[in-house]
Amino acid sequence: TAGAVDGNARLVTGDAVTEITRLKAEDGGPMDIGGATLAAAAMRT
């Protein structure tokens, strides 16, 4: 539902679980997840 984000952020409008799975498979530093609804989707999977 968000129209846009700014600063050092990018908007993800697709399936959250698919995108989080993809991001976890990448190289890079640790990731933190915040927000109850988003974290619940990651927790359930």
ModelCIF file with pLDDT and N, C-alpha, C, O atoms, coordinates in Angstrom:
data_MODEL
#
_entry.id   MODEL 
#
_entity.id                         1 
_entity.type                       polymer 
_entity.pdbx_number_of_molecules   1 
#
_entity_poly.entity_id                      1 
_entity_poly.type                           'polypeptide(L)' 
_entity_poly.nstd_linkage                   no 
_entity_poly.nstd_monomer                   no 
_entity_poly.pdbx_seq_one_letter_code       TAGAVDGNARLVTGDAVTEITRLKAEDGGPMDIGGATLAAAAMRT 
_entity_poly.pdbx_seq_one_letter_code_can   TAGAVDGNARLVTGDAVTEITRLKAEDGGPMDIGGATLAAAAMRT 
_entity_poly.pdbx_strand_id                 A 
#
loop_
_entity_poly_seq.entity_id 
_entity_poly_seq.num 
_entity_poly_seq.mon_id 
_entity_poly_seq.hetero 
1 1  THR n 
1 2  ALA n 
1 3  GLY n 
1 4  ALA n 
1 5  VAL n 
1 6  ASP n 
1 7  GLY n 
1 8  ASN n 
1 9  ALA n 
1 10 ARG n 
1 11 LEU n 
1 12 VAL n 
1 13 THR n 
1 14 GLY n 
1 15 ASP n 
1 16 ALA n 
1 17 VAL n 
1 18 THR n 
1 19 GLU n 
1 20 ILE n 
1 21 THR n 
1 22 ARG n 
1 23 LEU n 
1 24 LYS n 
1 25 ALA n 
1 26 GLU n 
1 27 ASP n 
1 28 GLY n 
1 29 GLY n 
1 30 PRO n 
1 31 MET n 
1 32 ASP n 
1 33 ILE n 
1 34 GLY n 
1 35 GLY n 
1 36 ALA n 
1 37 THR n 
1 38 LEU n 
1 39 ALA n 
1 40 ALA n 
1 41 ALA n 
1 42 ALA n 
1 43 MET n 
1 44 ARG n 
1 45 THR n 
#
_struct_asym.id          A 
_struct_asym.entity_id   1 
#
loop_
_ma_qa_metric.id 
_ma_qa_metric.mode 
_ma_qa_metric.name 
_ma_qa_metric.software_group_id 
_ma_qa_metric.type 
1 global pLDDT . pLDDT 
2 local  pLDDT . pLDDT 
#
_ma_qa_metric_global.metric_id      1 
_ma_qa_metric_global.metric_value   94.98 
_ma_qa_metric_global.model_id       1 
_ma_qa_metric_global.ordinal_id     1 
#
loop_
_ma_qa_metric_local.label_asym_id 
_ma_qa_metric_local.label_comp_id 
_ma_qa_metric_local.label_seq_id 
_ma_qa_metric_local.metric_id 
_ma_qa_metric_local.metric_value 
_ma_qa_metric_local.model_id 
_ma_qa_metric_local.ordinal_id 
A THR 1  2 91.00 1 1  
A ALA 2  2 84.00 1 2  
A GLY 3  2 82.00 1 3  
A ALA 4  2 89.00 1 4  
A VAL 5  2 94.00 1 5  
A ASP 6  2 92.00 1 6  
A GLY 7  2 91.00 1 7  
A ASN 8  2 94.00 1 8  
A ALA 9  2 97.00 1 9  
A ARG 10 2 96.00 1 10 
A LEU 11 2 96.00 1 11 
A VAL 12 2 96.00 1 12 
A THR 13 2 95.00 1 13 
A GLY 14 2 93.00 1 14 
A ASP 15 2 96.00 1 15 
A ALA 16 2 97.00 1 16 
A VAL 17 2 98.00 1 17 
A THR 18 2 98.00 1 18 
A GLU 19 2 98.00 1 19 
A ILE 20 2 98.00 1 20 
A THR 21 2 98.00 1 21 
A ARG 22 2 97.00 1 22 
A LEU 23 2 98.00 1 23 
A LYS 24 2 97.00 1 24 
A ALA 25 2 97.00 1 25 
A GLU 26 2 95.00 1 26 
A ASP 27 2 93.00 1 27 
A GLY 28 2 93.00 1 28 
A GLY 29 2 95.00 1 29 
A PRO 30 2 98.00 1 30 
A MET 31 2 98.00 1 31 
A ASP 32 2 98.00 1 32 
A ILE 33 2 98.00 1 33 
A GLY 34 2 95.00 1 34 
A GLY 35 2 91.00 1 35 
A ALA 36 2 92.00 1 36 
A THR 37 2 94.00 1 37 
A LEU 38 2 97.00 1 38 
A ALA 39 2 97.00 1 39 
A ALA 40 2 96.00 1 40 
A ALA 41 2 96.00 1 41 
A ALA 42 2 97.00 1 42 
A MET 43 2 97.00 1 43 
A ARG 44 2 96.00 1 44 
A THR 45 2 96.00 1 45 
#
loop_
_atom_site.group_PDB 
_atom_site.id 
_atom_site.type_symbol 
_atom_site.label_atom_id 
_atom_site.label_alt_id 
_atom_site.label_comp_id 
_atom_site.label_asym_id 
_atom_site.label_entity_id 
_atom_site.label_seq_id 
_atom_site.pdbx_PDB_ins_code 
_atom_site.Cartn_x 
_atom_site.Cartn_y 
_atom_site.Cartn_z 
_atom_site.occupancy 
_atom_site.B_iso_or_equiv 
_atom_site.pdbx_formal_charge 
_atom_site.auth_seq_id 
_atom_site.auth_comp_id 
_atom_site.auth_asym_id 
_atom_site.auth_atom_id 
_atom_site.pdbx_PDB_model_num 
ATOM 1   N N  . THR A 1 1  ? 0.792  -1.224  0.000  1.00 91.00 ? 1  THR A N  1 
ATOM 2   C CA . THR A 1 1  ? 0.000  0.000   0.000  1.00 91.00 ? 1  THR A CA 1 
ATOM 3   C C  . THR A 1 1  ? 0.827  1.278   0.000  1.00 91.00 ? 1  THR A C  1 
ATOM 4   O O  . THR A 1 1  ? 0.314  2.335   -0.369 1.00 91.00 ? 1  THR A O  1 
ATOM 5   N N  . ALA A 1 2  ? 2.105  1.211   0.407  1.00 84.00 ? 2  ALA A N  1 
ATOM 6   C CA . ALA A 1 2  ? 2.940  2.419   0.415  1.00 84.00 ? 2  ALA A CA 1 
ATOM 7   C C  . ALA A 1 2  ? 3.224  2.849   -1.014 1.00 84.00 ? 2  ALA A C  1 
ATOM 8   O O  . ALA A 1 2  ? 3.475  2.016   -1.884 1.00 84.00 ? 2  ALA A O  1 
ATOM 9   N N  . GLY A 1 3  ? 3.182  4.148   -1.250 1.00 82.00 ? 3  GLY A N  1 
ATOM 10  C CA . GLY A 1 3  ? 3.431  4.657   -2.591 1.00 82.00 ? 3  GLY A CA 1 
ATOM 11  C C  . GLY A 1 3  ? 4.901  4.707   -2.937 1.00 82.00 ? 3  GLY A C  1 
ATOM 12  O O  . GLY A 1 3  ? 5.289  4.378   -4.058 1.00 82.00 ? 3  GLY A O  1 
ATOM 13  N N  . ALA A 1 4  ? 5.727  5.118   -1.983 1.00 89.00 ? 4  ALA A N  1 
ATOM 14  C CA . ALA A 1 4  ? 7.163  5.245   -2.223 1.00 89.00 ? 4  ALA A CA 1 
ATOM 15  C C  . ALA A 1 4  ? 7.876  5.321   -0.881 1.00 89.00 ? 4  ALA A C  1 
ATOM 16  O O  . ALA A 1 4  ? 7.264  5.616   0.146  1.00 89.00 ? 4  ALA A O  1 
ATOM 17  N N  . VAL A 1 5  ? 9.164  5.053   -0.904 1.00 94.00 ? 5  VAL A N  1 
ATOM 18  C CA . VAL A 1 5  ? 10.006 5.224   0.276  1.00 94.00 ? 5  VAL A CA 1 
ATOM 19  C C  . VAL A 1 5  ? 11.196 6.067   -0.155 1.00 94.00 ? 5  VAL A C  1 
ATOM 20  O O  . VAL A 1 5  ? 11.496 6.167   -1.345 1.00 94.00 ? 5  VAL A O  1 
ATOM 21  N N  . ASP A 1 6  ? 11.870 6.669   0.809  1.00 92.00 ? 6  ASP A N  1 
ATOM 22  C CA . ASP A 1 6  ? 12.993 7.529   0.454  1.00 92.00 ? 6  ASP A CA 1 
ATOM 23  C C  . ASP A 1 6  ? 14.201 7.195   1.315  1.00 92.00 ? 6  ASP A C  1 
ATOM 24  O O  . ASP A 1 6  ? 14.196 6.241   2.092  1.00 92.00 ? 6  ASP A O  1 
ATOM 25  N N  . GLY A 1 7  ? 15.236 8.011   1.151  1.00 91.00 ? 7  GLY A N  1 
ATOM 26  C CA . GLY A 1 7  ? 16.457 7.763   1.906  1.00 91.00 ? 7  GLY A CA 1 
ATOM 27  C C  . GLY A 1 7  ? 17.136 6.500   1.393  1.00 91.00 ? 7  GLY A C  1 
ATOM 28  O O  . GLY A 1 7  ? 17.059 6.175   0.208  1.00 91.00 ? 7  GLY A O  1 
ATOM 29  N N  . ASN A 1 8  ? 17.783 5.814   2.277  1.00 94.00 ? 8  ASN A N  1 
ATOM 30  C CA . ASN A 1 8  ? 18.538 4.604   1.920  1.00 94.00 ? 8  ASN A CA 1 
ATOM 31  C C  . ASN A 1 8  ? 17.621 3.379   1.999  1.00 94.00 ? 8  ASN A C  1 
ATOM 32  O O  . ASN A 1 8  ? 17.955 2.381   2.639  1.00 94.00 ? 8  ASN A O  1 
ATOM 33  N N  . ALA A 1 9  ? 16.465 3.471   1.342  1.00 97.00 ? 9  ALA A N  1 
ATOM 34  C CA . ALA A 1 9  ? 15.465 2.400   1.393  1.00 97.00 ? 9  ALA A CA 1 
ATOM 35  C C  . ALA A 1 9  ? 14.934 2.120   -0.004 1.00 97.00 ? 9  ALA A C  1 
ATOM 36  O O  . ALA A 1 9  ? 14.938 2.978   -0.887 1.00 97.00 ? 9  ALA A O  1 
ATOM 37  N N  . ARG A 1 10 ? 14.478 0.883   -0.166 1.00 96.00 ? 10 ARG A N  1 
ATOM 38  C CA . ARG A 1 10 ? 13.797 0.522   -1.406 1.00 96.00 ? 10 ARG A CA 1 
ATOM 39  C C  . ARG A 1 10 ? 12.490 -0.166  -1.045 1.00 96.00 ? 10 ARG A C  1 
ATOM 40  O O  . ARG A 1 10 ? 12.391 -0.825  -0.010 1.00 96.00 ? 10 ARG A O  1 
ATOM 41  N N  . LEU A 1 11 ? 11.503 -0.014  -1.888 1.00 96.00 ? 11 LEU A N  1 
ATOM 42  C CA . LEU A 1 11 ? 10.177 -0.578  -1.666 1.00 96.00 ? 11 LEU A CA 1 
ATOM 43  C C  . LEU A 1 11 ? 10.084 -1.958  -2.304 1.00 96.00 ? 11 LEU A C  1 
ATOM 44  O O  . LEU A 1 11 ? 10.479 -2.152  -3.453 1.00 96.00 ? 11 LEU A O  1 
ATOM 45  N N  . VAL A 1 12 ? 9.557  -2.915  -1.543 1.00 96.00 ? 12 VAL A N  1 
ATOM 46  C CA . VAL A 1 12 ? 9.300  -4.268  -2.040 1.00 96.00 ? 12 VAL A CA 1 
ATOM 47  C C  . VAL A 1 12 ? 7.794  -4.471  -2.010 1.00 96.00 ? 12 VAL A C  1 
ATOM 48  O O  . VAL A 1 12 ? 7.181  -4.416  -0.944 1.00 96.00 ? 12 VAL A O  1 
ATOM 49  N N  . THR A 1 13 ? 7.192  -4.707  -3.176 1.00 95.00 ? 13 THR A N  1 
ATOM 50  C CA . THR A 1 13 ? 5.744  -4.875  -3.248 1.00 95.00 ? 13 THR A CA 1 
ATOM 51  C C  . THR A 1 13 ? 5.335  -6.316  -3.525 1.00 95.00 ? 13 THR A C  1 
ATOM 52  O O  . THR A 1 13 ? 4.155  -6.656  -3.433 1.00 95.00 ? 13 THR A O  1 
ATOM 53  N N  . GLY A 1 14 ? 6.293  -7.157  -3.858 1.00 93.00 ? 14 GLY A N  1 
ATOM 54  C CA . GLY A 1 14 ? 5.999  -8.557  -4.175 1.00 93.00 ? 14 GLY A CA 1 
ATOM 55  C C  . GLY A 1 14 ? 5.875  -9.405  -2.925 1.00 93.00 ? 14 GLY A C  1 
ATOM 56  O O  . GLY A 1 14 ? 5.768  -8.891  -1.811 1.00 93.00 ? 14 GLY A O  1 
ATOM 57  N N  . ASP A 1 15 ? 5.890  -10.700 -3.127 1.00 96.00 ? 15 ASP A N  1 
ATOM 58  C CA . ASP A 1 15 ? 5.747  -11.652 -2.025 1.00 96.00 ? 15 ASP A CA 1 
ATOM 59  C C  . ASP A 1 15 ? 6.919  -11.530 -1.055 1.00 96.00 ? 15 ASP A C  1 
ATOM 60  O O  . ASP A 1 15 ? 8.074  -11.687 -1.450 1.00 96.00 ? 15 ASP A O  1 
ATOM 61  N N  . ALA A 1 16 ? 6.623  -11.252 0.208  1.00 97.00 ? 16 ALA A N  1 
ATOM 62  C CA . ALA A 1 16 ? 7.651  -11.017 1.219  1.00 97.00 ? 16 ALA A CA 1 
ATOM 63  C C  . ALA A 1 16 ? 8.513  -12.253 1.452  1.00 97.00 ? 16 ALA A C  1 
ATOM 64  O O  . ALA A 1 16 ? 9.737  -12.140 1.519  1.00 97.00 ? 16 ALA A O  1 
ATOM 65  N N  . VAL A 1 17 ? 7.905  -13.422 1.576  1.00 98.00 ? 17 VAL A N  1 
ATOM 66  C CA . VAL A 1 17 ? 8.670  -14.639 1.859  1.00 98.00 ? 17 VAL A CA 1 
ATOM 67  C C  . VAL A 1 17 ? 9.638  -14.945 0.719  1.00 98.00 ? 17 VAL A C  1 
ATOM 68  O O  . VAL A 1 17 ? 10.783 -15.324 0.967  1.00 98.00 ? 17 VAL A O  1 
ATOM 69  N N  . THR A 1 18 ? 9.199  -14.787 -0.502 1.00 98.00 ? 18 THR A N  1 
ATOM 70  C CA . THR A 1 18 ? 10.067 -15.024 -1.661 1.00 98.00 ? 18 THR A CA 1 
ATOM 71  C C  . THR A 1 18 ? 11.251 -14.067 -1.643 1.00 98.00 ? 18 THR A C  1 
ATOM 72  O O  . THR A 1 18 ? 12.387 -14.481 -1.873 1.00 98.00 ? 18 THR A O  1 
ATOM 73  N N  . GLU A 1 19 ? 10.992 -12.791 -1.370 1.00 98.00 ? 19 GLU A N  1 
ATOM 74  C CA . GLU A 1 19 ? 12.066 -11.796 -1.369 1.00 98.00 ? 19 GLU A CA 1 
ATOM 75  C C  . GLU A 1 19 ? 13.008 -11.996 -0.183 1.00 98.00 ? 19 GLU A C  1 
ATOM 76  O O  . GLU A 1 19 ? 14.221 -11.860 -0.348 1.00 98.00 ? 19 GLU A O  1 
ATOM 77  N N  . ILE A 1 20 ? 12.500 -12.310 0.991  1.00 98.00 ? 20 ILE A N  1 
ATOM 78  C CA . ILE A 1 20 ? 13.371 -12.543 2.149  1.00 98.00 ? 20 ILE A CA 1 
ATOM 79  C C  . ILE A 1 20 ? 14.242 -13.774 1.906  1.00 98.00 ? 20 ILE A C  1 
ATOM 80  O O  . ILE A 1 20 ? 15.424 -13.768 2.251  1.00 98.00 ? 20 ILE A O  1 
ATOM 81  N N  . THR A 1 21 ? 13.682 -14.814 1.324  1.00 98.00 ? 21 THR A N  1 
ATOM 82  C CA . THR A 1 21 ? 14.452 -16.012 0.991  1.00 98.00 ? 21 THR A CA 1 
ATOM 83  C C  . THR A 1 21 ? 15.575 -15.667 0.025  1.00 98.00 ? 21 THR A C  1 
ATOM 84  O O  . THR A 1 21 ? 16.701 -16.137 0.184  1.00 98.00 ? 21 THR A O  1 
ATOM 85  N N  . ARG A 1 22 ? 15.276 -14.857 -0.964 1.00 97.00 ? 22 ARG A N  1 
ATOM 86  C CA . ARG A 1 22 ? 16.285 -14.438 -1.938 1.00 97.00 ? 22 ARG A CA 1 
ATOM 87  C C  . ARG A 1 22 ? 17.383 -13.622 -1.260 1.00 97.00 ? 22 ARG A C  1 
ATOM 88  O O  . ARG A 1 22 ? 18.568 -13.848 -1.506 1.00 97.00 ? 22 ARG A O  1 
ATOM 89  N N  . LEU A 1 23 ? 16.995 -12.680 -0.411 1.00 98.00 ? 23 LEU A N  1 
ATOM 90  C CA . LEU A 1 23 ? 17.968 -11.829 0.280  1.00 98.00 ? 23 LEU A CA 1 
ATOM 91  C C  . LEU A 1 23 ? 18.868 -12.635 1.212  1.00 98.00 ? 23 LEU A C  1 
ATOM 92  O O  . LEU A 1 23 ? 20.065 -12.369 1.309  1.00 98.00 ? 23 LEU A O  1 
ATOM 93  N N  . LYS A 1 24 ? 18.287 -13.624 1.899  1.00 97.00 ? 24 LYS A N  1 
ATOM 94  C CA . LYS A 1 24 ? 19.090 -14.466 2.797  1.00 97.00 ? 24 LYS A CA 1 
ATOM 95  C C  . LYS A 1 24 ? 20.142 -15.244 2.023  1.00 97.00 ? 24 LYS A C  1 
ATOM 96  O O  . LYS A 1 24 ? 21.219 -15.501 2.561  1.00 97.00 ? 24 LYS A O  1 
ATOM 97  N N  . ALA A 1 25 ? 19.875 -15.621 0.805  1.00 97.00 ? 25 ALA A N  1 
ATOM 98  C CA . ALA A 1 25 ? 20.801 -16.415 0.006  1.00 97.00 ? 25 ALA A CA 1 
ATOM 99  C C  . ALA A 1 25 ? 21.963 -15.578 -0.536 1.00 97.00 ? 25 ALA A C  1 
ATOM 100 O O  . ALA A 1 25 ? 22.971 -16.132 -0.975 1.00 97.00 ? 25 ALA A O  1 
ATOM 101 N N  . GLU A 1 26 ? 21.830 -14.266 -0.509 1.00 95.00 ? 26 GLU A N  1 
ATOM 102 C CA . GLU A 1 26 ? 22.880 -13.388 -1.011 1.00 95.00 ? 26 GLU A CA 1 
ATOM 103 C C  . GLU A 1 26 ? 24.038 -13.295 -0.022 1.00 95.00 ? 26 GLU A C  1 
ATOM 104 O O  . GLU A 1 26 ? 23.900 -13.629 1.155  1.00 95.00 ? 26 GLU A O  1 
ATOM 105 N N  . ASP A 1 27 ? 25.178 -12.836 -0.524 1.00 93.00 ? 27 ASP A N  1 
ATOM 106 C CA . ASP A 1 27 ? 26.281 -12.471 0.350  1.00 93.00 ? 27 ASP A CA 1 
ATOM 107 C C  . ASP A 1 27 ? 25.952 -11.116 0.967  1.00 93.00 ? 27 ASP A C  1 
ATOM 108 O O  . ASP A 1 27 ? 25.203 -10.323 0.396  1.00 93.00 ? 27 ASP A O  1 
ATOM 109 N N  . GLY A 1 28 ? 26.516 -10.868 2.124  1.00 93.00 ? 28 GLY A N  1 
ATOM 110 C CA . GLY A 1 28 ? 26.309 -9.570  2.757  1.00 93.00 ? 28 GLY A CA 1 
ATOM 111 C C  . GLY A 1 28 ? 26.213 -9.702  4.250  1.00 93.00 ? 28 GLY A C  1 
ATOM 112 O O  . GLY A 1 28 ? 26.254 -10.802 4.802  1.00 93.00 ? 28 GLY A O  1 
ATOM 113 N N  . GLY A 1 29 ? 26.085 -8.568  4.897  1.00 95.00 ? 29 GLY A N  1 
ATOM 114 C CA . GLY A 1 29 ? 26.016 -8.519  6.344  1.00 95.00 ? 29 GLY A CA 1 
ATOM 115 C C  . GLY A 1 29 ? 24.684 -9.034  6.864  1.00 95.00 ? 29 GLY A C  1 
ATOM 116 O O  . GLY A 1 29 ? 23.769 -9.320  6.091  1.00 95.00 ? 29 GLY A O  1 
ATOM 117 N N  . PRO A 1 30 ? 24.586 -9.147  8.182  1.00 98.00 ? 30 PRO A N  1 
ATOM 118 C CA . PRO A 1 30 ? 23.364 -9.667  8.794  1.00 98.00 ? 30 PRO A CA 1 
ATOM 119 C C  . PRO A 1 30 ? 22.157 -8.775  8.517  1.00 98.00 ? 30 PRO A C  1 
ATOM 120 O O  . PRO A 1 30 ? 22.281 -7.570  8.299  1.00 98.00 ? 30 PRO A O  1 
ATOM 121 N N  . MET A 1 31 ? 20.992 -9.407  8.534  1.00 98.00 ? 31 MET A N  1 
ATOM 122 C CA . MET A 1 31 ? 19.738 -8.686  8.312  1.00 98.00 ? 31 MET A CA 1 
ATOM 123 C C  . MET A 1 31 ? 18.917 -8.701  9.597  1.00 98.00 ? 31 MET A C  1 
ATOM 124 O O  . MET A 1 31 ? 18.899 -9.690  10.330 1.00 98.00 ? 31 MET A O  1 
ATOM 125 N N  . ASP A 1 32 ? 18.241 -7.591  9.854  1.00 98.00 ? 32 ASP A N  1 
ATOM 126 C CA . ASP A 1 32 ? 17.268 -7.503  10.941 1.00 98.00 ? 32 ASP A CA 1 
ATOM 127 C C  . ASP A 1 32 ? 15.897 -7.324  10.318 1.00 98.00 ? 32 ASP A C  1 
ATOM 128 O O  . ASP A 1 32 ? 15.750 -6.639  9.306  1.00 98.00 ? 32 ASP A O  1 
ATOM 129 N N  . ILE A 1 33 ? 14.900 -7.941  10.923 1.00 98.00 ? 33 ILE A N  1 
ATOM 130 C CA . ILE A 1 33 ? 13.527 -7.795  10.451 1.00 98.00 ? 33 ILE A CA 1 
ATOM 131 C C  . ILE A 1 33 ? 12.713 -7.159  11.568 1.00 98.00 ? 33 ILE A C  1 
ATOM 132 O O  . ILE A 1 33 ? 12.861 -7.527  12.733 1.00 98.00 ? 33 ILE A O  1 
ATOM 133 N N  . GLY A 1 34 ? 11.863 -6.215  11.221 1.00 95.00 ? 34 GLY A N  1 
ATOM 134 C CA . GLY A 1 34 ? 11.033 -5.541  12.205 1.00 95.00 ? 34 GLY A CA 1 
ATOM 135 C C  . GLY A 1 34 ? 9.642  -5.297  11.670 1.00 95.00 ? 34 GLY A C  1 
ATOM 136 O O  . GLY A 1 34 ? 9.428  -5.117  10.471 1.00 95.00 ? 34 GLY A O  1 
ATOM 137 N N  . GLY A 1 35 ? 8.713  -5.297  12.587 1.00 91.00 ? 35 GLY A N  1 
ATOM 138 C CA . GLY A 1 35 ? 7.317  -5.157  12.224 1.00 91.00 ? 35 GLY A CA 1 
ATOM 139 C C  . GLY A 1 35 ? 6.638  -6.496  12.403 1.00 91.00 ? 35 GLY A C  1 
ATOM 140 O O  . GLY A 1 35 ? 7.072  -7.497  11.834 1.00 91.00 ? 35 GLY A O  1 
ATOM 141 N N  . ALA A 1 36 ? 5.584  -6.520  13.183 1.00 92.00 ? 36 ALA A N  1 
ATOM 142 C CA . ALA A 1 36 ? 4.953  -7.784  13.575 1.00 92.00 ? 36 ALA A CA 1 
ATOM 143 C C  . ALA A 1 36 ? 4.432  -8.601  12.396 1.00 92.00 ? 36 ALA A C  1 
ATOM 144 O O  . ALA A 1 36 ? 4.626  -9.816  12.365 1.00 92.00 ? 36 ALA A O  1 
ATOM 145 N N  . THR A 1 37 ? 3.789  -7.977  11.448 1.00 94.00 ? 37 THR A N  1 
ATOM 146 C CA . THR A 1 37 ? 3.195  -8.717  10.335 1.00 94.00 ? 37 THR A CA 1 
ATOM 147 C C  . THR A 1 37 ? 4.276  -9.310  9.436  1.00 94.00 ? 37 THR A C  1 
ATOM 148 O O  . THR A 1 37 ? 4.200  -10.480 9.060  1.00 94.00 ? 37 THR A O  1 
ATOM 149 N N  . LEU A 1 38 ? 5.276  -8.510  9.095  1.00 97.00 ? 38 LEU A N  1 
ATOM 150 C CA . LEU A 1 38 ? 6.369  -8.999  8.258  1.00 97.00 ? 38 LEU A CA 1 
ATOM 151 C C  . LEU A 1 38 ? 7.139  -10.102 8.977  1.00 97.00 ? 38 LEU A C  1 
ATOM 152 O O  . LEU A 1 38 ? 7.428  -11.141 8.385  1.00 97.00 ? 38 LEU A O  1 
ATOM 153 N N  . ALA A 1 39 ? 7.472  -9.884  10.245 1.00 97.00 ? 39 ALA A N  1 
ATOM 154 C CA . ALA A 1 39 ? 8.215  -10.898 11.000 1.00 97.00 ? 39 ALA A CA 1 
ATOM 155 C C  . ALA A 1 39 ? 7.406  -12.182 11.138 1.00 97.00 ? 39 ALA A C  1 
ATOM 156 O O  . ALA A 1 39 ? 7.973  -13.274 11.113 1.00 97.00 ? 39 ALA A O  1 
ATOM 157 N N  . ALA A 1 40 ? 6.087  -12.065 11.283 1.00 96.00 ? 40 ALA A N  1 
ATOM 158 C CA . ALA A 1 40 ? 5.247  -13.261 11.404 1.00 96.00 ? 40 ALA A CA 1 
ATOM 159 C C  . ALA A 1 40 ? 5.344  -14.128 10.157 1.00 96.00 ? 40 ALA A C  1 
ATOM 160 O O  . ALA A 1 40 ? 5.396  -15.354 10.259 1.00 96.00 ? 40 ALA A O  1 
ATOM 161 N N  . ALA A 1 41 ? 5.370  -13.508 8.982  1.00 96.00 ? 41 ALA A N  1 
ATOM 162 C CA . ALA A 1 41 ? 5.487  -14.274 7.740  1.00 96.00 ? 41 ALA A CA 1 
ATOM 163 C C  . ALA A 1 41 ? 6.824  -15.007 7.701  1.00 96.00 ? 41 ALA A C  1 
ATOM 164 O O  . ALA A 1 41 ? 6.881  -16.169 7.301  1.00 96.00 ? 41 ALA A O  1 
ATOM 165 N N  . ALA A 1 42 ? 7.893  -14.340 8.110  1.00 97.00 ? 42 ALA A N  1 
ATOM 166 C CA . ALA A 1 42 ? 9.216  -14.975 8.128  1.00 97.00 ? 42 ALA A CA 1 
ATOM 167 C C  . ALA A 1 42 ? 9.284  -16.057 9.199  1.00 97.00 ? 42 ALA A C  1 
ATOM 168 O O  . ALA A 1 42 ? 9.908  -17.098 8.997  1.00 97.00 ? 42 ALA A O  1 
ATOM 169 N N  . MET A 1 43 ? 8.646  -15.812 10.325 1.00 97.00 ? 43 MET A N  1 
ATOM 170 C CA . MET A 1 43 ? 8.645  -16.779 11.427 1.00 97.00 ? 43 MET A CA 1 
ATOM 171 C C  . MET A 1 43 ? 7.916  -18.056 11.024 1.00 97.00 ? 43 MET A C  1 
ATOM 172 O O  . MET A 1 43 ? 8.413  -19.156 11.265 1.00 97.00 ? 43 MET A O  1 
ATOM 173 N N  . ARG A 1 44 ? 6.744  -17.916 10.415 1.00 96.00 ? 44 ARG A N  1 
ATOM 174 C CA . ARG A 1 44 ? 5.934  -19.076 10.023 1.00 96.00 ? 44 ARG A CA 1 
ATOM 175 C C  . ARG A 1 44 ? 6.632  -19.947 8.993  1.00 96.00 ? 44 ARG A C  1 
ATOM 176 O O  . ARG A 1 44 ? 6.368  -21.147 8.915  1.00 96.00 ? 44 ARG A O  1 
ATOM 177 N N  . THR A 1 45 ? 7.523  -19.355 8.200  1.00 96.00 ? 45 THR A N  1 
ATOM 178 C CA . THR A 1 45 ? 8.201  -20.119 7.154  1.00 96.00 ? 45 THR A CA 1 
ATOM 179 C C  . THR A 1 45 ? 9.626  -20.505 7.542  1.00 96.00 ? 45 THR A C  1 
ATOM 180 O O  . THR A 1 45 ? 10.325 -21.152 6.762  1.00 96.00 ? 45 THR A O  1 
#
